[in-house]
Structures are given as structure tokens and as C-alpha cells.
C-alpha atoms as a PDB file:
ATOM      1  CA  MET A   1      48.083  10.134 -10.377  1.00  0.00           C
ATOM      2  CA  TYR A   2      46.397   9.260  -7.088  1.00  0.00           C
ATOM      3  CA  GLU A   3      49.446   7.947  -5.240  1.00  0.00           C
ATOM      4  CA  ARG A   4      49.522  11.178  -3.210  1.00  0.00           C
ATOM      5  CA  TYR A   5      46.199  10.329  -1.582  1.00  0.00           C
ATOM      6  CA  SER A   6      46.216   8.290   1.622  1.00  0.00           C
ATOM      7  CA  ALA A   7      43.293   9.617   3.681  1.00  0.00           C
ATOM      8  CA  LEU A   8      40.903   9.025   0.784  1.00  0.00           C
ATOM      9  CA  LYS A   9      40.640   5.560  -0.730  1.00  0.00           C
ATOM     10  CA  ILE A  10      40.721   5.662  -4.537  1.00  0.00           C
ATOM     11  CA  GLU A  11      39.592   2.702  -6.655  1.00  0.00           C
ATOM     12  CA  ARG A  12      38.670   2.098 -10.288  1.00  0.00           C
ATOM     13  CA  ARG A  13      35.713   0.242 -11.743  1.00  0.00           C
ATOM     14  CA  GLY A  14      36.497   0.511 -15.430  1.00  0.00           C
ATOM     15  CA  ARG A  15      36.012   4.175 -16.320  1.00  0.00           C
ATOM     16  CA  VAL A  16      34.300   4.869 -12.996  1.00  0.00           C
ATOM     17  CA  LEU A  17      36.504   6.326 -10.246  1.00  0.00           C
ATOM     18  CA  VAL A  18      35.289   5.528  -6.708  1.00  0.00           C
ATOM     19  CA  ILE A  19      36.384   7.837  -3.874  1.00  0.00           C
ATOM     20  CA  THR A  20      35.807   6.537  -0.342  1.00  0.00           C
ATOM     21  CA  ILE A  21      36.002   8.717   2.761  1.00  0.00           C
ATOM     22  CA  ASP A  22      37.978   6.169   4.719  1.00  0.00           C
ATOM     23  CA  ASN A  23      37.725   6.899   8.449  1.00  0.00           C
ATOM     24  CA  PRO A  24      35.168   4.411   9.805  1.00  0.00           C
ATOM     25  CA  PRO A  25      32.888   4.021  11.582  1.00  0.00           C
ATOM     26  CA  MET A  26      31.659   7.633  11.270  1.00  0.00           C
ATOM     27  CA  ASN A  27      34.077   8.848   8.586  1.00  0.00           C
ATOM     28  CA  ALA A  28      34.680  12.127  10.397  1.00  0.00           C
ATOM     29  CA  VAL A  29      36.586  14.567   8.209  1.00  0.00           C
ATOM     30  CA  THR A  30      40.117  14.865   9.578  1.00  0.00           C
ATOM     31  CA  SER A  31      42.463  17.639   8.496  1.00  0.00           C
ATOM     32  CA  GLU A  32      44.105  15.137   6.120  1.00  0.00           C
ATOM     33  CA  ILE A  33      40.801  14.163   4.510  1.00  0.00           C
ATOM     34  CA  HIS A  34      39.781  17.826   4.246  1.00  0.00           C
ATOM     35  CA  GLU A  35      43.033  18.756   2.513  1.00  0.00           C
ATOM     36  CA  GLU A  36      42.758  15.880   0.054  1.00  0.00           C
ATOM     37  CA  LEU A  37      39.143  16.775  -0.751  1.00  0.00           C
ATOM     38  CA  SER A  38      40.327  20.282  -1.593  1.00  0.00           C
ATOM     39  CA  ARG A  39      42.596  19.120  -4.435  1.00  0.00           C
ATOM     40  CA  ILE A  40      41.310  15.819  -5.811  1.00  0.00           C
ATOM     41  CA  TRP A  41      38.718  17.350  -8.139  1.00  0.00           C
ATOM     42  CA  GLY A  42      41.355  19.188 -10.159  1.00  0.00           C
ATOM     43  CA  ASP A  43      43.342  15.977 -10.501  1.00  0.00           C
ATOM     44  CA  ILE A  44      40.261  14.163 -11.795  1.00  0.00           C
ATOM     45  CA  ASN A  45      39.794  16.818 -14.487  1.00  0.00           C
ATOM     46  CA  ARG A  46      43.266  15.884 -15.760  1.00  0.00           C
ATOM     47  CA  ASP A  47      42.493  12.145 -15.640  1.00  0.00           C
ATOM     48  CA  THR A  48      41.542  11.051 -19.149  1.00  0.00           C
ATOM     49  CA  ASP A  49      40.793   7.493 -17.968  1.00  0.00           C
ATOM     50  CA  THR A  50      37.888   8.584 -15.752  1.00  0.00           C
ATOM     51  CA  ALA A  51      34.422   9.260 -17.180  1.00  0.00           C
ATOM     52  CA  VAL A  52      32.323   9.197 -13.978  1.00  0.00           C
ATOM     53  CA  VAL A  53      33.073   9.700 -10.285  1.00  0.00           C
ATOM     54  CA  VAL A  54      31.340   8.066  -7.311  1.00  0.00           C
ATOM     55  CA  ILE A  55      31.940   9.296  -3.759  1.00  0.00           C
ATOM     56  CA  THR A  56      30.940   7.217  -0.723  1.00  0.00           C
ATOM     57  CA  GLY A  57      31.930   6.430   2.864  1.00  0.00           C
ATOM     58  CA  ALA A  58      33.642   3.403   4.367  1.00  0.00           C
ATOM     59  CA  GLY A  59      31.491   0.877   6.235  1.00  0.00           C
ATOM     60  CA  ASP A  60      27.729   1.009   6.588  1.00  0.00           C
ATOM     61  CA  LYS A  61      27.112   3.442   9.448  1.00  0.00           C
ATOM     62  CA  ALA A  62      27.923   6.829   7.960  1.00  0.00           C
ATOM     63  CA  PHE A  63      28.761   8.485   4.684  1.00  0.00           C
ATOM     64  CA  SER A  64      30.449  11.166   6.792  1.00  0.00           C
ATOM     65  CA  ALA A  65      29.565  12.640  10.175  1.00  0.00           C
ATOM     66  CA  GLY A  66      31.284  15.889   9.223  1.00  0.00           C
ATOM     67  CA  GLY A  67      34.125  17.678  10.984  1.00  0.00           C
ATOM     68  CA  ASP A  68      36.267  16.304  13.807  1.00  0.00           C
ATOM     69  CA  VAL A  69      34.721  18.017  16.847  1.00  0.00           C
ATOM     70  CA  LYS A  70      37.557  17.048  19.199  1.00  0.00           C
ATOM     71  CA  ALA A  71      39.990  18.784  16.853  1.00  0.00           C
ATOM     72  CA  MET A  72      37.772  21.875  16.977  1.00  0.00           C
ATOM     73  CA  VAL A  73      38.060  21.948  20.779  1.00  0.00           C
ATOM     74  CA  ASP A  74      41.830  21.508  20.666  1.00  0.00           C
ATOM     75  CA  ARG A  75      42.198  24.297  18.117  1.00  0.00           C
ATOM     76  CA  ILE A  76      40.233  26.735  20.255  1.00  0.00           C
ATOM     77  CA  GLU A  77      41.907  25.807  23.544  1.00  0.00           C
ATOM     78  CA  THR A  78      45.393  26.158  22.057  1.00  0.00           C
ATOM     79  CA  ALA A  79      44.450  29.323  20.128  1.00  0.00           C
ATOM     80  CA  GLU A  80      45.926  27.692  17.033  1.00  0.00           C
ATOM     81  CA  HIS A  81      43.823  29.621  14.558  1.00  0.00           C
ATOM     82  CA  GLY A  82      46.138  28.984  11.629  1.00  0.00           C
ATOM     83  CA  GLY A  83      44.482  25.602  11.201  1.00  0.00           C
ATOM     84  CA  TRP A  84      41.105  27.295  10.878  1.00  0.00           C
ATOM     85  CA  VAL A  85      42.400  29.706   8.250  1.00  0.00           C
ATOM     86  CA  ARG A  86      43.770  26.782   6.237  1.00  0.00           C
ATOM     87  CA  SER A  87      40.486  24.903   6.574  1.00  0.00           C
ATOM     88  CA  MET A  88      38.527  27.893   5.246  1.00  0.00           C
ATOM     89  CA  PHE A  89      40.813  28.117   2.210  1.00  0.00           C
ATOM     90  CA  GLU A  90      40.359  24.380   1.663  1.00  0.00           C
ATOM     91  CA  ALA A  91      36.584  24.670   2.123  1.00  0.00           C
ATOM     92  CA  LYS A  92      36.469  27.203  -0.694  1.00  0.00           C
ATOM     93  CA  GLU A  93      38.596  24.924  -2.873  1.00  0.00           C
ATOM     94  CA  ILE A  94      36.313  21.945  -2.130  1.00  0.00           C
ATOM     95  CA  VAL A  95      33.223  23.860  -3.228  1.00  0.00           C
ATOM     96  CA  TYR A  96      34.953  25.388  -6.257  1.00  0.00           C
ATOM     97  CA  GLY A  97      36.410  21.999  -7.176  1.00  0.00           C
ATOM     98  CA  LEU A  98      33.054  20.243  -7.007  1.00  0.00           C
ATOM     99  CA  LEU A  99      31.343  22.864  -9.172  1.00  0.00           C
ATOM    100  CA  ARG A 100      34.225  22.873 -11.680  1.00  0.00           C
ATOM    101  CA  LEU A 101      34.509  19.084 -11.855  1.00  0.00           C
ATOM    102  CA  GLU A 102      34.023  18.132 -15.495  1.00  0.00           C
ATOM    103  CA  ARG A 103      32.893  14.539 -14.893  1.00  0.00           C
ATOM    104  CA  PRO A 104      29.466  13.536 -13.523  1.00  0.00           C
ATOM    105  CA  LEU A 105      29.621  12.988  -9.752  1.00  0.00           C
ATOM    106  CA  ILE A 106      27.307  10.499  -8.040  1.00  0.00           C
ATOM    107  CA  ALA A 107      27.122  10.495  -4.243  1.00  0.00           C
ATOM    108  CA  ARG A 108      26.510   7.025  -2.799  1.00  0.00           C
ATOM    109  CA  ILE A 109      25.173   7.955   0.648  1.00  0.00           C
ATOM    110  CA  ASN A 110      25.539   4.690   2.538  1.00  0.00           C
ATOM    111  CA  GLY A 111      24.751   6.142   5.995  1.00  0.00           C
ATOM    112  CA  HIS A 112      24.390   9.394   7.897  1.00  0.00           C
ATOM    113  CA  ALA A 113      25.581  12.567   6.137  1.00  0.00           C
ATOM    114  CA  MET A 114      26.199  15.462   8.517  1.00  0.00           C
ATOM    115  CA  GLY A 115      27.973  18.812   8.228  1.00  0.00           C
ATOM    116  CA  LEU A 116      30.511  18.614   5.414  1.00  0.00           C
ATOM    117  CA  GLY A 117      29.119  15.168   4.613  1.00  0.00           C
ATOM    118  CA  ALA A 118      25.788  16.821   3.818  1.00  0.00           C
ATOM    119  CA  THR A 119      27.507  19.491   1.731  1.00  0.00           C
ATOM    120  CA  LEU A 120      29.245  16.848  -0.375  1.00  0.00           C
ATOM    121  CA  ALA A 121      25.894  15.109  -0.815  1.00  0.00           C
ATOM    122  CA  VAL A 122      24.036  18.181  -2.048  1.00  0.00           C
ATOM    123  CA  LEU A 123      26.836  19.396  -4.326  1.00  0.00           C
ATOM    124  CA  ALA A 124      26.993  16.080  -6.197  1.00  0.00           C
ATOM    125  CA  ASP A 125      25.176  15.882  -9.527  1.00  0.00           C
ATOM    126  CA  ILE A 126      23.132  12.843  -8.488  1.00  0.00           C
ATOM    127  CA  THR A 127      22.686  11.684  -4.897  1.00  0.00           C
ATOM    128  CA  VAL A 128      21.337   8.264  -3.916  1.00  0.00           C
ATOM    129  CA  MET A 129      20.847   7.668  -0.193  1.00  0.00           C
ATOM    130  CA  MET A 130      19.713   4.964   2.180  1.00  0.00           C
ATOM    131  CA  SER A 131      16.120   5.796   3.116  1.00  0.00           C
ATOM    132  CA  LYS A 132      16.620   5.486   6.894  1.00  0.00           C
ATOM    133  CA  ALA A 133      19.960   7.280   7.018  1.00  0.00           C
ATOM    134  CA  ARG A 134      19.873  10.891   8.158  1.00  0.00           C
ATOM    135  CA  ILE A 135      21.161  14.053   6.541  1.00  0.00           C
ATOM    136  CA  ALA A 136      21.641  17.410   8.234  1.00  0.00           C
ATOM    137  CA  ASP A 137      23.647  20.581   7.898  1.00  0.00           C
ATOM    138  CA  THR A 138      24.608  20.712  11.569  1.00  0.00           C
ATOM    139  CA  HIS A 139      26.694  23.886  11.534  1.00  0.00           C
ATOM    140  CA  VAL A 140      24.367  25.797  13.858  1.00  0.00           C
ATOM    141  CA  LYS A 141      24.418  22.936  16.349  1.00  0.00           C
ATOM    142  CA  VAL A 142      28.137  23.508  16.850  1.00  0.00           C
ATOM    143  CA  GLY A 143      27.749  27.277  16.910  1.00  0.00           C
ATOM    144  CA  LEU A 144      28.803  27.934  13.313  1.00  0.00           C
ATOM    145  CA  SER A 145      27.172  29.517  10.299  1.00  0.00           C
ATOM    146  CA  ALA A 146      26.390  27.132   7.426  1.00  0.00           C
ATOM    147  CA  GLY A 147      29.138  28.570   5.256  1.00  0.00           C
ATOM    148  CA  ASP A 148      30.563  25.846   3.011  1.00  0.00           C
ATOM    149  CA  GLY A 149      27.851  25.648   0.379  1.00  0.00           C
ATOM    150  CA  GLY A 150      24.811  24.667   2.421  1.00  0.00           C
ATOM    151  CA  SER A 151      23.370  28.175   2.561  1.00  0.00           C
ATOM    152  CA  LEU A 152      23.217  28.228  -1.221  1.00  0.00           C
ATOM    153  CA  MET A 153      22.445  24.639  -2.199  1.00  0.00           C
ATOM    154  CA  TRP A 154      19.715  23.757   0.305  1.00  0.00           C
ATOM    155  CA  PRO A 155      17.425  26.677  -0.736  1.00  0.00           C
ATOM    156  CA  LEU A 156      17.981  25.939  -4.428  1.00  0.00           C
ATOM    157  CA  LEU A 157      17.180  22.238  -4.050  1.00  0.00           C
ATOM    158  CA  MET A 158      14.322  22.224  -1.531  1.00  0.00           C
ATOM    159  CA  GLY A 159      13.042  25.807  -1.602  1.00  0.00           C
ATOM    160  CA  PHE A 160      13.783  28.675   0.728  1.00  0.00           C
ATOM    161  CA  GLY A 161      11.003  27.850   3.189  1.00  0.00           C
ATOM    162  CA  ASN A 162      12.147  24.297   3.791  1.00  0.00           C
ATOM    163  CA  ALA A 163      15.820  25.289   3.769  1.00  0.00           C
ATOM    164  CA  ARG A 164      15.301  27.944   6.430  1.00  0.00           C
ATOM    165  CA  ARG A 165      13.571  25.430   8.650  1.00  0.00           C
ATOM    166  CA  TYR A 166      16.415  22.904   8.449  1.00  0.00           C
ATOM    167  CA  LEU A 167      19.438  25.210   8.239  1.00  0.00           C
ATOM    168  CA  LEU A 168      18.353  27.387  11.169  1.00  0.00           C
ATOM    169  CA  THR A 169      17.725  24.373  13.416  1.00  0.00           C
ATOM    170  CA  GLY A 170      20.285  21.876  12.145  1.00  0.00           C
ATOM    171  CA  ASP A 171      17.563  19.235  12.323  1.00  0.00           C
ATOM    172  CA  ALA A 172      18.003  16.045  10.320  1.00  0.00           C
ATOM    173  CA  LEU A 173      15.888  14.492   7.588  1.00  0.00           C
ATOM    174  CA  THR A 174      15.771  10.838   6.656  1.00  0.00           C
ATOM    175  CA  GLY A 175      16.848   9.906   3.169  1.00  0.00           C
ATOM    176  CA  ARG A 176      13.213   9.338   2.273  1.00  0.00           C
ATOM    177  CA  GLU A 177      12.215  12.802   3.524  1.00  0.00           C
ATOM    178  CA  ALA A 178      15.169  14.401   1.740  1.00  0.00           C
ATOM    179  CA  ALA A 179      14.162  12.757  -1.548  1.00  0.00           C
ATOM    180  CA  ASP A 180      10.540  13.827  -1.131  1.00  0.00           C
ATOM    181  CA  LEU A 181      11.641  17.449  -0.625  1.00  0.00           C
ATOM    182  CA  GLY A 182      14.057  17.382  -3.564  1.00  0.00           C
ATOM    183  CA  LEU A 183      17.249  17.712  -1.516  1.00  0.00           C
ATOM    184  CA  ILE A 184      18.606  14.454  -2.963  1.00  0.00           C
ATOM    185  CA  SER A 185      17.826  12.475  -6.098  1.00  0.00           C
ATOM    186  CA  GLN A 186      16.673   9.099  -4.770  1.00  0.00           C
ATOM    187  CA  ALA A 187      16.222   7.100  -1.564  1.00  0.00           C
ATOM    188  CA  VAL A 188      16.512   3.303  -1.441  1.00  0.00           C
ATOM    189  CA  ASP A 189      15.871   0.746   1.278  1.00  0.00           C
ATOM    190  CA  THR A 190      18.761  -1.716   0.993  1.00  0.00           C
ATOM    191  CA  VAL A 191      22.481  -1.679   0.246  1.00  0.00           C
ATOM    192  CA  GLU A 192      21.796  -3.903  -2.761  1.00  0.00           C
ATOM    193  CA  GLU A 193      19.394  -1.305  -4.140  1.00  0.00           C
ATOM    194  CA  LEU A 194      21.910   1.436  -3.366  1.00  0.00           C
ATOM    195  CA  ASP A 195      24.680  -0.282  -5.307  1.00  0.00           C
ATOM    196  CA  ALA A 196      22.383  -1.112  -8.198  1.00  0.00           C
ATOM    197  CA  ALA A 197      21.103   2.454  -8.472  1.00  0.00           C
ATOM    198  CA  VAL A 198      24.555   4.042  -8.191  1.00  0.00           C
ATOM    199  CA  TYR A 199      26.696   1.721 -10.267  1.00  0.00           C
ATOM    200  CA  ASP A 200      24.132   0.957 -12.970  1.00  0.00           C
ATOM    201  CA  LEU A 201      23.804   4.693 -13.544  1.00  0.00           C
ATOM    202  CA  ALA A 202      27.568   5.232 -13.325  1.00  0.00           C
ATOM    203  CA  ASP A 203      28.188   2.507 -15.918  1.00  0.00           C
ATOM    204  CA  ARG A 204      25.471   3.904 -18.159  1.00  0.00           C
ATOM    205  CA  LEU A 205      27.002   7.399 -18.031  1.00  0.00           C
ATOM    206  CA  ALA A 206      30.508   5.998 -18.546  1.00  0.00           C
ATOM    207  CA  ALA A 207      29.302   4.252 -21.729  1.00  0.00           C
ATOM    208  CA  GLY A 208      27.592   7.380 -22.999  1.00  0.00           C
ATOM    209  CA  ALA A 209      28.745  10.332 -25.099  1.00  0.00           C
ATOM    210  CA  SER A 210      31.189  11.663 -22.531  1.00  0.00           C
ATOM    211  CA  ARG A 211      31.911  14.953 -24.261  1.00  0.00           C
ATOM    212  CA  ALA A 212      28.203  15.778 -24.480  1.00  0.00           C
ATOM    213  CA  ILE A 213      27.499  14.594 -20.918  1.00  0.00           C
ATOM    214  CA  ASN A 214      30.395  16.599 -19.496  1.00  0.00           C
ATOM    215  CA  ALA A 215      29.426  19.708 -21.461  1.00  0.00           C
ATOM    216  CA  THR A 216      25.840  19.461 -20.253  1.00  0.00           C
ATOM    217  CA  LYS A 217      26.988  19.093 -16.640  1.00  0.00           C
ATOM    218  CA  LEU A 218      29.289  22.099 -16.986  1.00  0.00           C
ATOM    219  CA  SER A 219      26.480  24.131 -18.561  1.00  0.00           C
ATOM    220  CA  ILE A 220      24.214  23.406 -15.588  1.00  0.00           C
ATOM    221  CA  ASN A 221      26.977  24.242 -13.141  1.00  0.00           C
ATOM    222  CA  MET A 222      27.741  27.559 -14.850  1.00  0.00           C
ATOM    223  CA  ILE A 223      24.570  28.853 -13.224  1.00  0.00           C
ATOM    224  CA  LEU A 224      25.538  27.508  -9.810  1.00  0.00           C
ATOM    225  CA  ARG A 225      29.085  28.819 -10.147  1.00  0.00           C
ATOM    226  CA  LYS A 226      27.871  32.293 -11.021  1.00  0.00           C
ATOM    227  CA  MET A 227      25.685  32.275  -7.913  1.00  0.00           C
ATOM    228  CA  LEU A 228      28.117  30.655  -5.498  1.00  0.00           C
ATOM    229  CA  GLU A 229      31.410  32.149  -6.558  1.00  0.00           C
ATOM    230  CA  GLY A 230      30.008  35.590  -5.873  1.00  0.00           C
ATOM    231  CA  VAL A 231      29.228  34.808  -2.254  1.00  0.00           C
ATOM    232  CA  ILE A 232      31.375  31.908  -1.017  1.00  0.00           C
ATOM    233  CA  GLU A 233      34.036  34.144   0.523  1.00  0.00           C
ATOM    234  CA  ALA A 234      31.333  36.077   2.383  1.00  0.00           C
ATOM    235  CA  HIS A 235      29.689  32.827   3.541  1.00  0.00           C
ATOM    236  CA  LEU A 236      33.007  31.526   4.857  1.00  0.00           C
ATOM    237  CA  GLY A 237      33.615  34.912   6.464  1.00  0.00           C
ATOM    238  CA  GLN A 238      30.336  34.494   8.359  1.00  0.00           C
ATOM    239  CA  GLU A 239      31.470  31.037   9.418  1.00  0.00           C
ATOM    240  CA  THR A 240      34.764  32.475  10.700  1.00  0.00           C
ATOM    241  CA  TYR A 241      32.855  35.180  12.579  1.00  0.00           C
ATOM    242  CA  THR A 242      30.903  32.465  14.382  1.00  0.00           C
ATOM    243  CA  TYR A 243      34.014  30.316  14.848  1.00  0.00           C
ATOM    244  CA  LEU A 244      35.360  33.084  17.092  1.00  0.00           C
ATOM    245  CA  SER A 245      32.220  33.087  19.256  1.00  0.00           C
ATOM    246  CA  LYS A 246      31.874  31.704  22.773  1.00  0.00           C
ATOM    247  CA  ASP A 247      28.805  29.780  21.624  1.00  0.00           C
ATOM    248  CA  HIS A 248      30.964  27.732  19.246  1.00  0.00           C
ATOM    249  CA  TYR A 249      33.293  26.738  22.054  1.00  0.00           C
ATOM    250  CA  ALA A 250      30.305  25.970  24.294  1.00  0.00           C
ATOM    251  CA  ALA A 251      28.836  23.713  21.604  1.00  0.00           C
ATOM    252  CA  VAL A 252      31.925  21.689  20.775  1.00  0.00           C
ATOM    253  CA  SER A 253      32.932  21.344  24.442  1.00  0.00           C
ATOM    254  CA  ALA A 254      29.477  20.043  25.306  1.00  0.00           C
ATOM    255  CA  PHE A 255      29.609  17.591  22.397  1.00  0.00           C
ATOM    256  CA  VAL A 256      32.912  16.127  23.574  1.00  0.00           C
ATOM    257  CA  GLU A 257      31.657  15.952  27.168  1.00  0.00           C
ATOM    258  CA  LYS A 258      28.352  14.378  26.036  1.00  0.00           C
ATOM    259  CA  ARG A 259      26.070  17.009  27.523  1.00  0.00           C
ATOM    260  CA  GLU A 260      23.711  19.694  26.261  1.00  0.00           C
ATOM    261  CA  PRO A 261      25.361  23.049  25.421  1.00  0.00           C
ATOM    262  CA  GLU A 262      24.353  26.286  27.096  1.00  0.00           C
ATOM    263  CA  PHE A 263      24.217  29.070  24.524  1.00  0.00           C
ATOM    264  CA  ARG A 264      24.362  32.727  25.557  1.00  0.00           C
ATOM    265  CA  GLY A 265      24.401  34.372  22.160  1.00  0.00           C
ATOM    266  CA  ASP A 266      27.996  35.585  22.314  1.00  0.00           C
END
């Protein structure tokens, strides 16, 4: 079933399916990874051998640093906006797929989680993160609106006051801070603790009453789906509006050139 996937690494641990974002060291989300993330969740729902899903990143530096900024620059400079349109469709499918996934999803956050990496972390059912790793929805730092789920999930998990502070600035939290504010489930200090927390729980869920566990997860997500599916197109529309701004180009160009951006509000 998973032979079609090459950008994502797919492995089995009994009835636990492990998905690895496999682009070390930072596991930036390439167009290939993005496309595969947009369709894998539906395939898992048809996989009767899988009871629990774990998603993680390759290596020990980052879970995922988010989008490929160099590709963003190239897309703007060549005016190849078709790629952006495809990515927005895929972004919607990623969010829909995560919320419609019937199996429990545990995010094993082995390093920094930025941009889309942060979105994957907060849309998982249970998120365990290294305490010193950092998590941030960095959309505004590259001149974009936080459109792919962050604008909904961060306020629901950590409260509107805290979410405004972090989404409007793009500032990062450590795993420990994120756990204290309720953005993630648990922070741990070592890789050994990370693996124990993630895989002990995954094995426990896999050995449980799967039909009841899946139904409970889907019941919880019915609330989130009702909230998100009414606004996701508008959120992605806001992101596209900012994608067309000069500030976005200023931000990504400065990132590639390793300098501070100069924003002018246009």
C-alpha cells in the first residue's frame, strides 16, 4: 500500500505505523513531502493492519523546519504561481486528512518543529516533544498568514491570549514551555524518554479496543472538523493574499541571504 511513498519513510512496528519526514538534517518540507502528506492519511484509513500511527522526523536536530524557503523564492522570482495553488490544495487535504484520520496519531517531536512542522505537531492527537527543542508557527516571519490550521488549533489548545502572542510574532516556545501552556501533551528530556513515552503509549493503544478508541477519537474530532472545515478555505485564502505581498518576498529573500528583512507593509 505504501510503495508509492518515497519522500516519506514508512515503517511498521507491529500494528504501529511509523511515518518519518525524511529530509535531514532539518527535514524541510519539499514539494514531494507536501504532496505525500496530503494523501497518506486516507491510505491509512484503508489499512486494516494499522491500529496506531506515529509521525516523527529523521535525525535528532529537527522534527521539521517547515517549508522550503529557497523554493518559495524561486516560485516568486519565476512567477510560477501554479505551484502555490497546488500547495494550497494540498494544505487543505493535509488538515482534512489529519482530522479525518481514524487511527490515533502520536507526534514524536524529536527536534525543532516550525511552520508546517508545528501544524503537524498540534493536529496530532498526542504530542510528545523534547523539552529543549523549539516549536513555532513562523508564518508571519516569512510574510504569510498562519493559514494551515495554526490559527484554529493554537487558540483552542493554549487559549486565545497566548495564541495571539505567539502567532502574531512567530516567536518560539521550548517543548517544556509548550507543555506547560497546553500546546502539546508532554515534554521529556532525553531521546530514551521520548521513545519510551511514544512507543509505550502506541503499543498500549494498539493492544486496546481499537473500535472504541477510534470511535472516541473521531467523536472528539467531529467538533474540530465542524470548526475548521467551515473556515479552512478562508484561512488559506488569507495565506494566498499574503503570499502575493512584497513583504513575503522580502522575508524569504532575506532568509536565503542570511540577513534581516525590511518590511514595508505591502
